Amino acid sequence: MKRWYVVATRPQAESRAAQHLANQDFEVWLPEFLKRRRHARRSEMVRRPLFPRYLFVRIDLDAEQWRSVLGTVGVIGMVGGDPPSPVADAVIDALRTRCDEEGLVAIDPALGLKEGQSVRITEGPLADLEGIFLDIDDQARVAILLSLMGRTVRVQADAANVEAL
């Protein structure tokens, strides 16, 4: 019976390992998302692995030569030892339902917050202060406009410490 397994790869070798595994006729899935990359005053959206250094491969351990995965270019090993531990199908299905038509996993680190919405900071030195949600970056840092000491100040907080009003 074919099951999904996690394959550990070398740093930044996920795509290469996925390609080599696919060339060996393994069913491979490398979940990716769009990330904003800033460099030299330019900003662009690039595809990045959802789980850096990991990808999924679907194998029947009893019928296929699964140990050849271990010798594939870019692969370090399989998670779970010998034999590897399977991933629940529900986990893979849940991830795949979040994919768009391009195969990219949709990530909403803002937890449904919209620009201009009133928010409250729940933890930290600015706890219980209310402000206006501006935006969120790739590291789940929320930009909020607060009214402090008679001035409007832009602050950043962890997205987990912000709630909508």
N, C-alpha and C. Protein backbone atom coordinates (compact mmCIF):
# COMPACT_ATOMS: atom_id res chain seq x y z
N MET A 1 0.84 -1.18 0.00
CA MET A 1 0.00 0.00 0.00
C MET A 1 0.89 1.25 0.00
N LYS A 2 0.61 2.16 -0.91
CA LYS A 2 1.41 3.38 -1.01
C LYS A 2 1.04 4.33 0.12
N ARG A 3 2.07 4.87 0.77
CA ARG A 3 1.89 5.85 1.84
C ARG A 3 2.87 7.00 1.60
N TRP A 4 2.58 8.14 2.22
CA TRP A 4 3.46 9.31 2.12
C TRP A 4 4.51 9.25 3.21
N TYR A 5 5.74 9.61 2.86
CA TYR A 5 6.86 9.65 3.80
C TYR A 5 7.59 10.97 3.63
N VAL A 6 8.28 11.38 4.69
CA VAL A 6 9.03 12.64 4.65
C VAL A 6 10.49 12.33 4.34
N VAL A 7 11.03 13.06 3.38
CA VAL A 7 12.42 12.92 2.98
C VAL A 7 13.17 14.18 3.41
N ALA A 8 14.26 14.01 4.14
CA ALA A 8 15.11 15.14 4.54
C ALA A 8 16.13 15.38 3.44
N THR A 9 16.33 16.66 3.09
CA THR A 9 17.26 17.01 2.02
C THR A 9 18.39 17.88 2.55
N ARG A 10 19.37 18.06 1.71
CA ARG A 10 20.45 19.00 2.03
C ARG A 10 19.90 20.42 1.97
N PRO A 11 20.56 21.37 2.63
CA PRO A 11 20.07 22.75 2.59
C PRO A 11 19.94 23.28 1.16
N GLN A 12 18.80 23.86 0.86
CA GLN A 12 18.48 24.47 -0.43
C GLN A 12 18.59 23.50 -1.61
N ALA A 13 18.39 22.20 -1.33
CA ALA A 13 18.46 21.19 -2.39
C ALA A 13 17.12 20.48 -2.57
N GLU A 14 16.04 21.07 -2.07
CA GLU A 14 14.74 20.42 -2.13
C GLU A 14 14.30 20.18 -3.58
N SER A 15 14.41 21.20 -4.43
CA SER A 15 13.98 21.07 -5.83
C SER A 15 14.82 20.05 -6.58
N ARG A 16 16.11 20.07 -6.35
CA ARG A 16 17.01 19.13 -7.02
C ARG A 16 16.69 17.70 -6.59
N ALA A 17 16.49 17.49 -5.30
CA ALA A 17 16.16 16.16 -4.80
C ALA A 17 14.81 15.70 -5.36
N ALA A 18 13.83 16.61 -5.41
CA ALA A 18 12.51 16.26 -5.95
C ALA A 18 12.62 15.85 -7.41
N GLN A 19 13.41 16.57 -8.17
CA GLN A 19 13.58 16.24 -9.59
C GLN A 19 14.24 14.87 -9.77
N HIS A 20 15.27 14.59 -9.00
CA HIS A 20 15.96 13.30 -9.11
C HIS A 20 15.07 12.15 -8.66
N LEU A 21 14.25 12.37 -7.63
CA LEU A 21 13.32 11.33 -7.19
C LEU A 21 12.25 11.09 -8.25
N ALA A 22 11.76 12.16 -8.87
CA ALA A 22 10.77 12.02 -9.95
C ALA A 22 11.36 11.26 -11.14
N ASN A 23 12.64 11.50 -11.42
CA ASN A 23 13.31 10.78 -12.51
C ASN A 23 13.39 9.28 -12.24
N GLN A 24 13.32 8.90 -10.96
CA GLN A 24 13.34 7.48 -10.58
C GLN A 24 11.92 6.91 -10.48
N ASP A 25 10.93 7.67 -10.98
CA ASP A 25 9.52 7.27 -11.00
C ASP A 25 8.87 7.20 -9.62
N PHE A 26 9.36 7.99 -8.67
CA PHE A 26 8.68 8.12 -7.38
C PHE A 26 7.69 9.27 -7.48
N GLU A 27 6.57 9.15 -6.78
CA GLU A 27 5.61 10.25 -6.70
C GLU A 27 6.12 11.20 -5.62
N VAL A 28 6.42 12.44 -6.01
CA VAL A 28 7.04 13.41 -5.13
C VAL A 28 6.16 14.64 -5.02
N TRP A 29 6.12 15.21 -3.82
CA TRP A 29 5.40 16.48 -3.63
C TRP A 29 6.25 17.40 -2.77
N LEU A 30 6.58 18.55 -3.33
CA LEU A 30 7.34 19.59 -2.63
C LEU A 30 6.42 20.79 -2.46
N PRO A 31 5.75 20.92 -1.30
CA PRO A 31 4.85 22.06 -1.12
C PRO A 31 5.65 23.37 -1.06
N GLU A 32 5.19 24.36 -1.83
CA GLU A 32 5.87 25.65 -1.89
C GLU A 32 4.87 26.78 -1.65
N PHE A 33 5.39 27.94 -1.30
CA PHE A 33 4.57 29.14 -1.13
C PHE A 33 5.34 30.32 -1.69
N LEU A 34 4.64 31.42 -1.89
CA LEU A 34 5.29 32.63 -2.40
C LEU A 34 5.80 33.47 -1.23
N LYS A 35 7.05 33.87 -1.32
CA LYS A 35 7.67 34.68 -0.28
C LYS A 35 8.25 35.93 -0.93
N ARG A 36 8.09 37.05 -0.23
CA ARG A 36 8.66 38.31 -0.75
C ARG A 36 10.15 38.33 -0.41
N ARG A 37 10.95 38.57 -1.45
CA ARG A 37 12.40 38.66 -1.27
C ARG A 37 12.82 40.08 -1.61
N ARG A 38 13.55 40.68 -0.69
CA ARG A 38 14.05 42.04 -0.90
C ARG A 38 15.57 41.97 -1.02
N HIS A 39 16.06 42.59 -2.10
CA HIS A 39 17.50 42.62 -2.30
C HIS A 39 17.83 43.82 -3.19
N ALA A 40 18.82 44.57 -2.80
CA ALA A 40 19.29 45.72 -3.57
C ALA A 40 18.16 46.66 -3.93
N ARG A 41 17.36 47.00 -2.92
CA ARG A 41 16.25 47.94 -3.06
C ARG A 41 15.16 47.45 -4.01
N ARG A 42 15.17 46.16 -4.31
CA ARG A 42 14.13 45.58 -5.15
C ARG A 42 13.38 44.54 -4.35
N SER A 43 12.14 44.37 -4.68
CA SER A 43 11.30 43.39 -4.01
C SER A 43 10.64 42.52 -5.07
N GLU A 44 10.69 41.20 -4.86
CA GLU A 44 10.05 40.29 -5.79
C GLU A 44 9.49 39.10 -5.03
N MET A 45 8.53 38.44 -5.63
CA MET A 45 7.93 37.26 -5.04
C MET A 45 8.62 36.03 -5.63
N VAL A 46 9.10 35.15 -4.75
CA VAL A 46 9.79 33.94 -5.20
C VAL A 46 9.16 32.71 -4.54
N ARG A 47 9.28 31.58 -5.21
CA ARG A 47 8.77 30.32 -4.66
C ARG A 47 9.79 29.79 -3.66
N ARG A 48 9.28 29.39 -2.50
CA ARG A 48 10.12 28.81 -1.45
C ARG A 48 9.43 27.57 -0.89
N PRO A 49 10.20 26.59 -0.44
CA PRO A 49 9.59 25.39 0.16
C PRO A 49 8.84 25.76 1.45
N LEU A 50 7.68 25.16 1.62
CA LEU A 50 6.90 25.38 2.83
C LEU A 50 7.64 24.82 4.04
N PHE A 51 8.29 23.68 3.85
CA PHE A 51 9.09 23.06 4.90
C PHE A 51 10.53 22.97 4.41
N PRO A 52 11.36 23.98 4.71
CA PRO A 52 12.74 23.95 4.23
C PRO A 52 13.45 22.66 4.65
N ARG A 53 14.16 22.06 3.69
CA ARG A 53 14.94 20.84 3.86
C ARG A 53 14.09 19.57 3.93
N TYR A 54 12.80 19.66 3.57
CA TYR A 54 11.94 18.46 3.58
C TYR A 54 11.03 18.45 2.36
N LEU A 55 10.70 17.24 1.92
CA LEU A 55 9.71 17.04 0.88
C LEU A 55 9.00 15.72 1.16
N PHE A 56 7.94 15.44 0.41
CA PHE A 56 7.16 14.22 0.61
C PHE A 56 7.32 13.30 -0.59
N VAL A 57 7.39 12.01 -0.32
CA VAL A 57 7.45 11.00 -1.38
C VAL A 57 6.46 9.90 -1.05
N ARG A 58 5.75 9.41 -2.08
CA ARG A 58 4.74 8.38 -1.87
C ARG A 58 5.30 7.05 -2.38
N ILE A 59 5.41 6.09 -1.44
CA ILE A 59 6.07 4.83 -1.74
C ILE A 59 5.30 3.68 -1.11
N ASP A 60 5.38 2.52 -1.75
CA ASP A 60 4.93 1.27 -1.14
C ASP A 60 6.20 0.56 -0.67
N LEU A 61 6.44 0.56 0.63
CA LEU A 61 7.69 0.01 1.18
C LEU A 61 7.86 -1.47 0.85
N ASP A 62 6.77 -2.19 0.71
CA ASP A 62 6.86 -3.63 0.45
C ASP A 62 7.12 -3.95 -1.02
N ALA A 63 6.67 -3.10 -1.93
CA ALA A 63 6.76 -3.41 -3.36
C ALA A 63 7.83 -2.62 -4.11
N GLU A 64 8.30 -1.53 -3.56
CA GLU A 64 9.25 -0.68 -4.28
C GLU A 64 10.63 -0.69 -3.62
N GLN A 65 11.62 -0.35 -4.39
CA GLN A 65 12.99 -0.25 -3.89
C GLN A 65 13.16 1.11 -3.21
N TRP A 66 12.59 1.26 -2.03
CA TRP A 66 12.58 2.55 -1.37
C TRP A 66 13.95 2.98 -0.87
N ARG A 67 14.86 2.07 -0.67
CA ARG A 67 16.20 2.46 -0.19
C ARG A 67 16.98 3.26 -1.23
N SER A 68 16.56 3.19 -2.48
CA SER A 68 17.23 4.00 -3.51
C SER A 68 16.98 5.49 -3.27
N VAL A 69 15.93 5.82 -2.51
CA VAL A 69 15.68 7.22 -2.14
C VAL A 69 16.87 7.75 -1.36
N LEU A 70 17.45 6.92 -0.50
CA LEU A 70 18.55 7.35 0.36
C LEU A 70 19.81 7.73 -0.42
N GLY A 71 19.98 7.16 -1.60
CA GLY A 71 21.16 7.45 -2.41
C GLY A 71 20.93 8.51 -3.46
N THR A 72 19.78 9.16 -3.42
CA THR A 72 19.44 10.16 -4.42
C THR A 72 20.17 11.47 -4.14
N VAL A 73 20.55 12.16 -5.21
CA VAL A 73 21.25 13.45 -5.10
C VAL A 73 20.39 14.42 -4.30
N GLY A 74 21.00 15.05 -3.28
CA GLY A 74 20.31 16.04 -2.47
C GLY A 74 19.60 15.49 -1.25
N VAL A 75 19.46 14.16 -1.15
CA VAL A 75 18.74 13.54 -0.04
C VAL A 75 19.71 13.18 1.08
N ILE A 76 19.31 13.50 2.31
CA ILE A 76 20.08 13.11 3.50
C ILE A 76 19.55 11.79 4.06
N GLY A 77 18.22 11.67 4.13
CA GLY A 77 17.62 10.45 4.66
C GLY A 77 16.11 10.59 4.71
N MET A 78 15.49 9.60 5.32
CA MET A 78 14.04 9.62 5.49
C MET A 78 13.72 9.74 6.97
N VAL A 79 12.69 10.48 7.29
CA VAL A 79 12.33 10.74 8.68
C VAL A 79 11.67 9.50 9.29
N GLY A 80 12.14 9.12 10.45
CA GLY A 80 11.52 8.02 11.18
C GLY A 80 12.37 6.78 11.31
N GLY A 81 13.54 6.79 10.72
CA GLY A 81 14.43 5.64 10.89
C GLY A 81 14.29 4.59 9.82
N ASP A 82 14.52 3.33 10.22
CA ASP A 82 14.50 2.21 9.28
C ASP A 82 13.55 1.14 9.78
N PRO A 83 12.40 0.96 9.23
CA PRO A 83 11.83 1.67 8.09
C PRO A 83 11.30 3.04 8.50
N PRO A 84 11.14 3.92 7.54
CA PRO A 84 10.66 5.28 7.84
C PRO A 84 9.21 5.27 8.33
N SER A 85 8.85 6.33 9.03
CA SER A 85 7.49 6.48 9.55
C SER A 85 6.61 7.18 8.52
N PRO A 86 5.41 6.65 8.26
CA PRO A 86 4.52 7.29 7.28
C PRO A 86 3.86 8.54 7.86
N VAL A 87 3.45 9.42 6.96
CA VAL A 87 2.70 10.61 7.32
C VAL A 87 1.21 10.29 7.11
N ALA A 88 0.38 10.73 8.02
CA ALA A 88 -1.05 10.48 7.89
C ALA A 88 -1.58 11.13 6.62
N ASP A 89 -2.43 10.42 5.90
CA ASP A 89 -3.01 10.95 4.67
C ASP A 89 -3.79 12.24 4.93
N ALA A 90 -4.38 12.35 6.11
CA ALA A 90 -5.15 13.55 6.46
C ALA A 90 -4.27 14.80 6.46
N VAL A 91 -3.01 14.66 6.85
CA VAL A 91 -2.08 15.80 6.86
C VAL A 91 -1.80 16.25 5.43
N ILE A 92 -1.51 15.31 4.56
CA ILE A 92 -1.24 15.64 3.16
C ILE A 92 -2.48 16.24 2.50
N ASP A 93 -3.65 15.63 2.77
CA ASP A 93 -4.90 16.14 2.19
C ASP A 93 -5.18 17.56 2.66
N ALA A 94 -4.93 17.84 3.94
CA ALA A 94 -5.17 19.19 4.47
C ALA A 94 -4.25 20.21 3.80
N LEU A 95 -3.00 19.83 3.57
CA LEU A 95 -2.07 20.74 2.89
C LEU A 95 -2.48 20.94 1.43
N ARG A 96 -2.88 19.88 0.77
CA ARG A 96 -3.24 19.97 -0.65
C ARG A 96 -4.51 20.80 -0.87
N THR A 97 -5.42 20.80 0.10
CA THR A 97 -6.63 21.61 -0.06
C THR A 97 -6.32 23.10 0.01
N ARG A 98 -5.17 23.46 0.59
CA ARG A 98 -4.78 24.87 0.68
C ARG A 98 -3.99 25.32 -0.54
N CYS A 99 -3.77 24.43 -1.51
CA CYS A 99 -3.01 24.78 -2.71
C CYS A 99 -3.91 25.47 -3.73
N ASP A 100 -3.32 26.42 -4.45
CA ASP A 100 -4.04 27.09 -5.51
C ASP A 100 -3.78 26.38 -6.84
N GLU A 101 -4.22 26.97 -7.95
CA GLU A 101 -4.08 26.33 -9.25
C GLU A 101 -2.63 26.17 -9.69
N GLU A 102 -1.72 26.96 -9.15
CA GLU A 102 -0.29 26.85 -9.48
C GLU A 102 0.43 25.86 -8.57
N GLY A 103 -0.29 25.27 -7.63
CA GLY A 103 0.32 24.32 -6.71
C GLY A 103 0.98 24.96 -5.52
N LEU A 104 0.74 26.25 -5.32
CA LEU A 104 1.33 26.96 -4.19
C LEU A 104 0.39 26.91 -2.99
N VAL A 105 0.96 26.68 -1.81
CA VAL A 105 0.17 26.63 -0.59
C VAL A 105 -0.17 28.06 -0.18
N ALA A 106 -1.44 28.32 0.04
CA ALA A 106 -1.88 29.65 0.46
C ALA A 106 -1.64 29.82 1.95
N ILE A 107 -0.92 30.86 2.29
CA ILE A 107 -0.61 31.14 3.69
C ILE A 107 -1.20 32.50 4.03
N ASP A 108 -1.91 32.56 5.14
CA ASP A 108 -2.49 33.83 5.60
C ASP A 108 -1.99 34.09 7.01
N PRO A 109 -0.76 34.63 7.14
CA PRO A 109 -0.24 34.88 8.48
C PRO A 109 -0.99 35.99 9.20
N ALA A 110 -1.78 36.79 8.48
CA ALA A 110 -2.52 37.88 9.10
C ALA A 110 -3.79 37.39 9.78
N LEU A 111 -4.10 36.11 9.66
CA LEU A 111 -5.25 35.51 10.32
C LEU A 111 -6.55 36.23 9.98
N GLY A 112 -6.70 36.60 8.72
CA GLY A 112 -7.93 37.23 8.28
C GLY A 112 -8.03 38.72 8.53
N LEU A 113 -6.97 39.35 9.02
CA LEU A 113 -7.00 40.79 9.26
C LEU A 113 -6.93 41.53 7.93
N LYS A 114 -7.63 42.65 7.87
CA LYS A 114 -7.64 43.46 6.65
C LYS A 114 -7.08 44.84 6.96
N GLU A 115 -6.44 45.44 5.96
CA GLU A 115 -5.85 46.76 6.14
C GLU A 115 -6.91 47.76 6.60
N GLY A 116 -6.58 48.53 7.64
CA GLY A 116 -7.49 49.52 8.18
C GLY A 116 -8.36 49.00 9.31
N GLN A 117 -8.29 47.71 9.60
CA GLN A 117 -9.11 47.11 10.66
C GLN A 117 -8.54 47.46 12.04
N SER A 118 -9.42 47.65 13.01
CA SER A 118 -8.98 47.94 14.38
C SER A 118 -8.50 46.65 15.04
N VAL A 119 -7.34 46.74 15.72
CA VAL A 119 -6.76 45.58 16.39
C VAL A 119 -6.29 45.96 17.79
N ARG A 120 -6.07 44.95 18.60
CA ARG A 120 -5.54 45.14 19.96
C ARG A 120 -4.32 44.24 20.12
N ILE A 121 -3.27 44.78 20.74
CA ILE A 121 -2.09 43.98 21.06
C ILE A 121 -2.38 43.27 22.38
N THR A 122 -2.20 41.94 22.40
CA THR A 122 -2.59 41.15 23.56
C THR A 122 -1.45 40.87 24.53
N GLU A 123 -0.21 40.88 24.05
CA GLU A 123 0.94 40.57 24.91
C GLU A 123 2.10 41.49 24.61
N GLY A 124 3.05 41.52 25.54
CA GLY A 124 4.25 42.31 25.34
C GLY A 124 4.17 43.67 26.01
N PRO A 125 5.17 44.51 25.77
CA PRO A 125 5.21 45.82 26.43
C PRO A 125 4.08 46.76 25.98
N LEU A 126 3.48 46.50 24.84
CA LEU A 126 2.39 47.34 24.35
C LEU A 126 1.02 46.67 24.53
N ALA A 127 0.95 45.72 25.45
CA ALA A 127 -0.29 44.97 25.66
C ALA A 127 -1.45 45.90 25.97
N ASP A 128 -2.62 45.55 25.44
CA ASP A 128 -3.89 46.24 25.63
C ASP A 128 -4.00 47.57 24.86
N LEU A 129 -3.01 47.91 24.07
CA LEU A 129 -3.13 49.11 23.23
C LEU A 129 -3.88 48.76 21.96
N GLU A 130 -4.68 49.70 21.49
CA GLU A 130 -5.46 49.48 20.28
C GLU A 130 -4.91 50.35 19.16
N GLY A 131 -5.00 49.82 17.94
CA GLY A 131 -4.49 50.56 16.79
C GLY A 131 -5.14 50.10 15.51
N ILE A 132 -4.55 50.50 14.40
CA ILE A 132 -5.05 50.18 13.07
C ILE A 132 -4.07 49.24 12.40
N PHE A 133 -4.57 48.11 11.88
CA PHE A 133 -3.74 47.14 11.16
C PHE A 133 -3.31 47.72 9.82
N LEU A 134 -1.99 47.67 9.52
CA LEU A 134 -1.48 48.17 8.25
C LEU A 134 -1.13 47.03 7.30
N ASP A 135 -0.18 46.18 7.71
CA ASP A 135 0.20 45.05 6.86
C ASP A 135 0.98 44.03 7.68
N ILE A 136 1.41 42.98 7.01
CA ILE A 136 2.17 41.91 7.66
C ILE A 136 3.29 41.50 6.73
N ASP A 137 4.46 41.15 7.30
CA ASP A 137 5.58 40.72 6.48
C ASP A 137 5.69 39.19 6.49
N ASP A 138 6.71 38.66 5.81
CA ASP A 138 6.87 37.22 5.68
C ASP A 138 7.24 36.53 6.99
N GLN A 139 7.73 37.29 7.97
CA GLN A 139 8.10 36.70 9.25
C GLN A 139 6.96 36.83 10.26
N ALA A 140 5.76 37.06 9.80
CA ALA A 140 4.55 37.18 10.64
C ALA A 140 4.69 38.31 11.65
N ARG A 141 5.29 39.42 11.22
CA ARG A 141 5.37 40.63 12.03
C ARG A 141 4.33 41.59 11.49
N VAL A 142 3.43 42.02 12.36
CA VAL A 142 2.32 42.89 11.98
C VAL A 142 2.69 44.35 12.20
N ALA A 143 2.42 45.19 11.21
CA ALA A 143 2.62 46.63 11.35
C ALA A 143 1.30 47.24 11.79
N ILE A 144 1.36 48.01 12.88
CA ILE A 144 0.17 48.61 13.47
C ILE A 144 0.42 50.10 13.66
N LEU A 145 -0.60 50.89 13.41
CA LEU A 145 -0.54 52.32 13.64
C LEU A 145 -1.19 52.60 15.00
N LEU A 146 -0.38 53.08 15.96
CA LEU A 146 -0.87 53.36 17.31
C LEU A 146 -0.86 54.86 17.58
N SER A 147 -1.72 55.28 18.48
CA SER A 147 -1.74 56.66 18.93
C SER A 147 -1.07 56.68 20.30
N LEU A 148 0.17 57.17 20.36
CA LEU A 148 0.94 57.20 21.61
C LEU A 148 1.42 58.62 21.88
N MET A 149 1.18 59.12 23.08
CA MET A 149 1.66 60.43 23.52
C MET A 149 1.32 61.54 22.53
N GLY A 150 0.12 61.49 22.00
CA GLY A 150 -0.35 62.53 21.10
C GLY A 150 0.20 62.44 19.69
N ARG A 151 0.87 61.34 19.37
CA ARG A 151 1.43 61.16 18.04
C ARG A 151 0.98 59.83 17.47
N THR A 152 0.97 59.74 16.17
CA THR A 152 0.68 58.47 15.50
C THR A 152 2.02 57.79 15.23
N VAL A 153 2.15 56.55 15.73
CA VAL A 153 3.42 55.83 15.64
C VAL A 153 3.18 54.47 14.99
N ARG A 154 4.06 54.12 14.07
CA ARG A 154 4.00 52.80 13.44
C ARG A 154 4.86 51.85 14.28
N VAL A 155 4.26 50.74 14.74
CA VAL A 155 4.99 49.74 15.53
C VAL A 155 4.80 48.37 14.88
N GLN A 156 5.68 47.44 15.26
CA GLN A 156 5.56 46.07 14.77
C GLN A 156 5.39 45.15 15.96
N ALA A 157 4.56 44.13 15.77
CA ALA A 157 4.32 43.14 16.81
C ALA A 157 4.18 41.77 16.16
N ASP A 158 4.39 40.74 16.93
CA ASP A 158 4.21 39.38 16.45
C ASP A 158 2.73 39.15 16.15
N ALA A 159 2.42 38.52 15.02
CA ALA A 159 1.04 38.30 14.62
C ALA A 159 0.26 37.49 15.66
N ALA A 160 0.95 36.63 16.40
CA ALA A 160 0.27 35.82 17.41
C ALA A 160 -0.20 36.68 18.59
N ASN A 161 0.35 37.88 18.73
CA ASN A 161 0.01 38.75 19.85
C ASN A 161 -0.97 39.86 19.45
N VAL A 162 -1.65 39.69 18.33
CA VAL A 162 -2.58 40.70 17.86
C VAL A 162 -3.94 40.05 17.62
N GLU A 163 -5.00 40.74 18.04
CA GLU A 163 -6.35 40.23 17.81
C GLU A 163 -7.22 41.35 17.21
N ALA A 164 -8.17 40.92 16.39
CA ALA A 164 -9.10 41.88 15.78
C ALA A 164 -10.12 42.34 16.80
N LEU A 165 -10.60 43.57 16.64
CA LEU A 165 -11.65 44.09 17.52
C LEU A 165 -13.00 43.99 16.86
